[in-house]
Amino acid sequence: SLLKLGQKSTIEMAKNRLLASSLRSKIYNLCDGKKTVTEIAEELGKPQPLVSRYLKELEDGSLIKPKRRGKSVYYVRLA
């Protein structure tokens, strides 16, 4: 791996911080590449803007990646 031990632990700590939120962790687990933000929000019974914000935080933390298929965007776990 190109990461030094210190960098890896920093990345793991950042991942753990992001996933410390129960809802954020549930959203992360639903990012299987088969669900849109609307489907994730409906499954969790949460408002779509809240789910969108958490998806953006997970994306900014390099834990998920949006994949566009046609007009829809699906979310895939990276880490």
N, C-alpha and C. Protein backbone atom coordinates (compact mmCIF):
# COMPACT_ATOMS: atom_id res chain seq x y z
N SER A 1 0.84 -1.18 0.00
CA SER A 1 0.00 0.00 0.00
C SER A 1 0.88 1.25 0.00
N LEU A 2 0.38 2.26 -0.65
CA LEU A 2 1.13 3.51 -0.72
C LEU A 2 0.98 4.35 0.55
N LEU A 3 -0.02 4.00 1.36
CA LEU A 3 -0.25 4.77 2.57
C LEU A 3 0.70 4.34 3.67
N LYS A 4 1.21 5.31 4.39
CA LYS A 4 2.01 5.01 5.56
C LYS A 4 1.05 4.63 6.68
N LEU A 5 1.55 3.95 7.67
CA LEU A 5 0.71 3.51 8.78
C LEU A 5 -0.05 4.66 9.40
N GLY A 6 0.59 5.79 9.63
CA GLY A 6 -0.06 6.95 10.22
C GLY A 6 -1.20 7.47 9.37
N GLN A 7 -0.99 7.47 8.04
CA GLN A 7 -2.04 7.93 7.14
C GLN A 7 -3.23 6.98 7.17
N LYS A 8 -2.94 5.69 7.21
CA LYS A 8 -4.02 4.72 7.20
C LYS A 8 -4.86 4.86 8.46
N SER A 9 -4.23 5.02 9.60
CA SER A 9 -5.00 5.15 10.82
C SER A 9 -5.81 6.44 10.81
N THR A 10 -5.28 7.50 10.21
CA THR A 10 -6.02 8.75 10.09
C THR A 10 -7.25 8.55 9.21
N ILE A 11 -7.10 7.82 8.13
CA ILE A 11 -8.22 7.53 7.24
C ILE A 11 -9.26 6.69 7.98
N GLU A 12 -8.81 5.69 8.69
CA GLU A 12 -9.73 4.84 9.46
C GLU A 12 -10.46 5.66 10.52
N MET A 13 -9.75 6.57 11.17
CA MET A 13 -10.39 7.40 12.19
C MET A 13 -11.45 8.30 11.55
N ALA A 14 -11.15 8.87 10.39
CA ALA A 14 -12.12 9.71 9.70
C ALA A 14 -13.34 8.90 9.28
N LYS A 15 -13.11 7.69 8.79
CA LYS A 15 -14.22 6.81 8.41
C LYS A 15 -15.08 6.49 9.63
N ASN A 16 -14.43 6.14 10.72
CA ASN A 16 -15.16 5.82 11.95
C ASN A 16 -15.97 7.01 12.45
N ARG A 17 -15.41 8.21 12.34
CA ARG A 17 -16.14 9.41 12.76
C ARG A 17 -17.37 9.61 11.89
N LEU A 18 -17.22 9.45 10.59
CA LEU A 18 -18.36 9.63 9.69
C LEU A 18 -19.45 8.60 9.96
N LEU A 19 -19.05 7.38 10.28
CA LEU A 19 -20.02 6.31 10.46
C LEU A 19 -20.50 6.20 11.91
N ALA A 20 -20.04 7.11 12.78
CA ALA A 20 -20.46 7.08 14.18
C ALA A 20 -21.95 7.40 14.31
N SER A 21 -22.47 8.20 13.40
CA SER A 21 -23.89 8.51 13.39
C SER A 21 -24.65 7.28 12.93
N SER A 22 -25.64 6.89 13.71
CA SER A 22 -26.45 5.71 13.37
C SER A 22 -27.11 5.86 12.01
N LEU A 23 -27.70 7.03 11.75
CA LEU A 23 -28.38 7.23 10.47
C LEU A 23 -27.38 7.24 9.31
N ARG A 24 -26.26 7.93 9.49
CA ARG A 24 -25.24 7.98 8.43
C ARG A 24 -24.73 6.57 8.13
N SER A 25 -24.56 5.76 9.16
CA SER A 25 -24.11 4.39 8.99
C SER A 25 -25.15 3.56 8.22
N LYS A 26 -26.42 3.75 8.55
CA LYS A 26 -27.49 3.04 7.83
C LYS A 26 -27.51 3.45 6.35
N ILE A 27 -27.35 4.73 6.11
CA ILE A 27 -27.32 5.23 4.72
C ILE A 27 -26.14 4.59 3.98
N TYR A 28 -24.98 4.60 4.61
CA TYR A 28 -23.77 4.00 4.02
C TYR A 28 -24.02 2.54 3.64
N ASN A 29 -24.65 1.80 4.54
CA ASN A 29 -24.90 0.38 4.29
C ASN A 29 -25.89 0.15 3.15
N LEU A 30 -26.73 1.14 2.86
CA LEU A 30 -27.69 1.01 1.75
C LEU A 30 -27.08 1.40 0.41
N CYS A 31 -25.87 1.90 0.41
CA CYS A 31 -25.20 2.31 -0.84
C CYS A 31 -24.62 1.08 -1.52
N ASP A 32 -25.48 0.32 -2.15
CA ASP A 32 -25.08 -0.93 -2.80
C ASP A 32 -25.04 -0.81 -4.32
N GLY A 33 -25.18 0.42 -4.81
CA GLY A 33 -25.17 0.64 -6.26
C GLY A 33 -26.52 0.40 -6.90
N LYS A 34 -27.53 0.08 -6.09
CA LYS A 34 -28.86 -0.23 -6.63
C LYS A 34 -29.93 0.75 -6.19
N LYS A 35 -29.56 1.74 -5.35
CA LYS A 35 -30.55 2.65 -4.80
C LYS A 35 -30.20 4.11 -5.07
N THR A 36 -31.24 4.88 -5.36
CA THR A 36 -31.11 6.32 -5.51
C THR A 36 -31.34 6.97 -4.16
N VAL A 37 -31.09 8.27 -4.07
CA VAL A 37 -31.33 8.99 -2.82
C VAL A 37 -32.79 8.86 -2.41
N THR A 38 -33.70 8.93 -3.35
CA THR A 38 -35.13 8.81 -3.04
C THR A 38 -35.45 7.45 -2.46
N GLU A 39 -34.89 6.40 -3.03
CA GLU A 39 -35.14 5.04 -2.53
C GLU A 39 -34.56 4.84 -1.14
N ILE A 40 -33.37 5.40 -0.91
CA ILE A 40 -32.75 5.29 0.41
C ILE A 40 -33.60 6.04 1.44
N ALA A 41 -34.03 7.26 1.10
CA ALA A 41 -34.85 8.05 2.01
C ALA A 41 -36.16 7.33 2.33
N GLU A 42 -36.81 6.76 1.31
CA GLU A 42 -38.07 6.04 1.53
C GLU A 42 -37.85 4.82 2.41
N GLU A 43 -36.78 4.09 2.18
CA GLU A 43 -36.51 2.88 2.96
C GLU A 43 -36.29 3.21 4.44
N LEU A 44 -35.65 4.36 4.69
CA LEU A 44 -35.37 4.75 6.07
C LEU A 44 -36.47 5.60 6.69
N GLY A 45 -37.43 6.05 5.87
CA GLY A 45 -38.49 6.92 6.38
C GLY A 45 -37.97 8.28 6.81
N LYS A 46 -36.96 8.76 6.09
CA LYS A 46 -36.33 10.05 6.42
C LYS A 46 -36.53 11.02 5.26
N PRO A 47 -36.47 12.34 5.54
CA PRO A 47 -36.60 13.33 4.47
C PRO A 47 -35.44 13.24 3.48
N GLN A 48 -35.76 13.37 2.21
CA GLN A 48 -34.76 13.27 1.15
C GLN A 48 -33.64 14.30 1.29
N PRO A 49 -33.92 15.56 1.68
CA PRO A 49 -32.82 16.52 1.84
C PRO A 49 -31.81 16.10 2.92
N LEU A 50 -32.29 15.50 4.00
CA LEU A 50 -31.39 15.01 5.06
C LEU A 50 -30.51 13.89 4.53
N VAL A 51 -31.11 12.94 3.81
CA VAL A 51 -30.35 11.82 3.24
C VAL A 51 -29.34 12.35 2.22
N SER A 52 -29.75 13.31 1.42
CA SER A 52 -28.82 13.91 0.44
C SER A 52 -27.62 14.53 1.12
N ARG A 53 -27.86 15.23 2.23
CA ARG A 53 -26.75 15.87 2.97
C ARG A 53 -25.78 14.82 3.50
N TYR A 54 -26.31 13.74 4.06
CA TYR A 54 -25.45 12.69 4.58
C TYR A 54 -24.72 11.96 3.45
N LEU A 55 -25.37 11.77 2.33
CA LEU A 55 -24.69 11.15 1.18
C LEU A 55 -23.52 12.03 0.73
N LYS A 56 -23.72 13.34 0.73
CA LYS A 56 -22.66 14.27 0.34
C LYS A 56 -21.49 14.18 1.32
N GLU A 57 -21.79 14.08 2.62
CA GLU A 57 -20.73 13.95 3.62
C GLU A 57 -19.96 12.64 3.42
N LEU A 58 -20.67 11.57 3.13
CA LEU A 58 -20.01 10.28 2.88
C LEU A 58 -19.17 10.33 1.61
N GLU A 59 -19.69 11.03 0.60
CA GLU A 59 -18.93 11.19 -0.65
C GLU A 59 -17.68 12.03 -0.40
N ASP A 60 -17.82 13.13 0.34
CA ASP A 60 -16.67 13.99 0.64
C ASP A 60 -15.62 13.23 1.46
N GLY A 61 -16.06 12.25 2.25
CA GLY A 61 -15.15 11.43 3.03
C GLY A 61 -14.60 10.25 2.26
N SER A 62 -14.89 10.19 0.96
CA SER A 62 -14.42 9.12 0.06
C SER A 62 -14.89 7.73 0.48
N LEU A 63 -16.09 7.67 1.08
CA LEU A 63 -16.64 6.38 1.48
C LEU A 63 -17.64 5.84 0.47
N ILE A 64 -18.22 6.75 -0.32
CA ILE A 64 -19.14 6.33 -1.37
C ILE A 64 -18.86 7.14 -2.64
N LYS A 65 -19.41 6.65 -3.73
CA LYS A 65 -19.26 7.36 -5.00
C LYS A 65 -20.60 7.31 -5.74
N PRO A 66 -21.05 8.45 -6.26
CA PRO A 66 -22.27 8.43 -7.06
C PRO A 66 -21.98 7.87 -8.46
N LYS A 67 -22.89 7.08 -8.96
CA LYS A 67 -22.78 6.53 -10.32
C LYS A 67 -24.05 6.91 -11.08
N ARG A 68 -23.87 7.66 -12.16
CA ARG A 68 -25.02 8.09 -12.95
C ARG A 68 -25.37 7.02 -13.98
N ARG A 69 -26.65 6.68 -14.01
CA ARG A 69 -27.18 5.80 -15.06
C ARG A 69 -28.42 6.47 -15.62
N GLY A 70 -28.28 7.01 -16.83
CA GLY A 70 -29.37 7.77 -17.40
C GLY A 70 -29.60 9.02 -16.57
N LYS A 71 -30.84 9.23 -16.14
CA LYS A 71 -31.16 10.41 -15.33
C LYS A 71 -31.03 10.13 -13.84
N SER A 72 -30.78 8.89 -13.47
CA SER A 72 -30.72 8.51 -12.06
C SER A 72 -29.29 8.41 -11.57
N VAL A 73 -29.11 8.67 -10.27
CA VAL A 73 -27.80 8.55 -9.62
C VAL A 73 -27.93 7.49 -8.53
N TYR A 74 -27.03 6.53 -8.59
CA TYR A 74 -26.99 5.45 -7.61
C TYR A 74 -25.71 5.60 -6.80
N TYR A 75 -25.71 5.08 -5.60
CA TYR A 75 -24.57 5.27 -4.70
C TYR A 75 -23.92 3.94 -4.38
N VAL A 76 -22.57 3.94 -4.44
CA VAL A 76 -21.77 2.73 -4.26
C VAL A 76 -20.75 2.96 -3.14
N ARG A 77 -20.66 2.00 -2.22
CA ARG A 77 -19.64 2.05 -1.15
C ARG A 77 -18.25 1.85 -1.76
N LEU A 78 -17.28 2.60 -1.27
CA LEU A 78 -15.89 2.47 -1.75
C LEU A 78 -15.01 1.84 -0.67
N ALA A 79 -15.33 2.09 0.58
CA ALA A 79 -14.45 1.63 1.67
C ALA A 79 -15.12 0.58 2.50
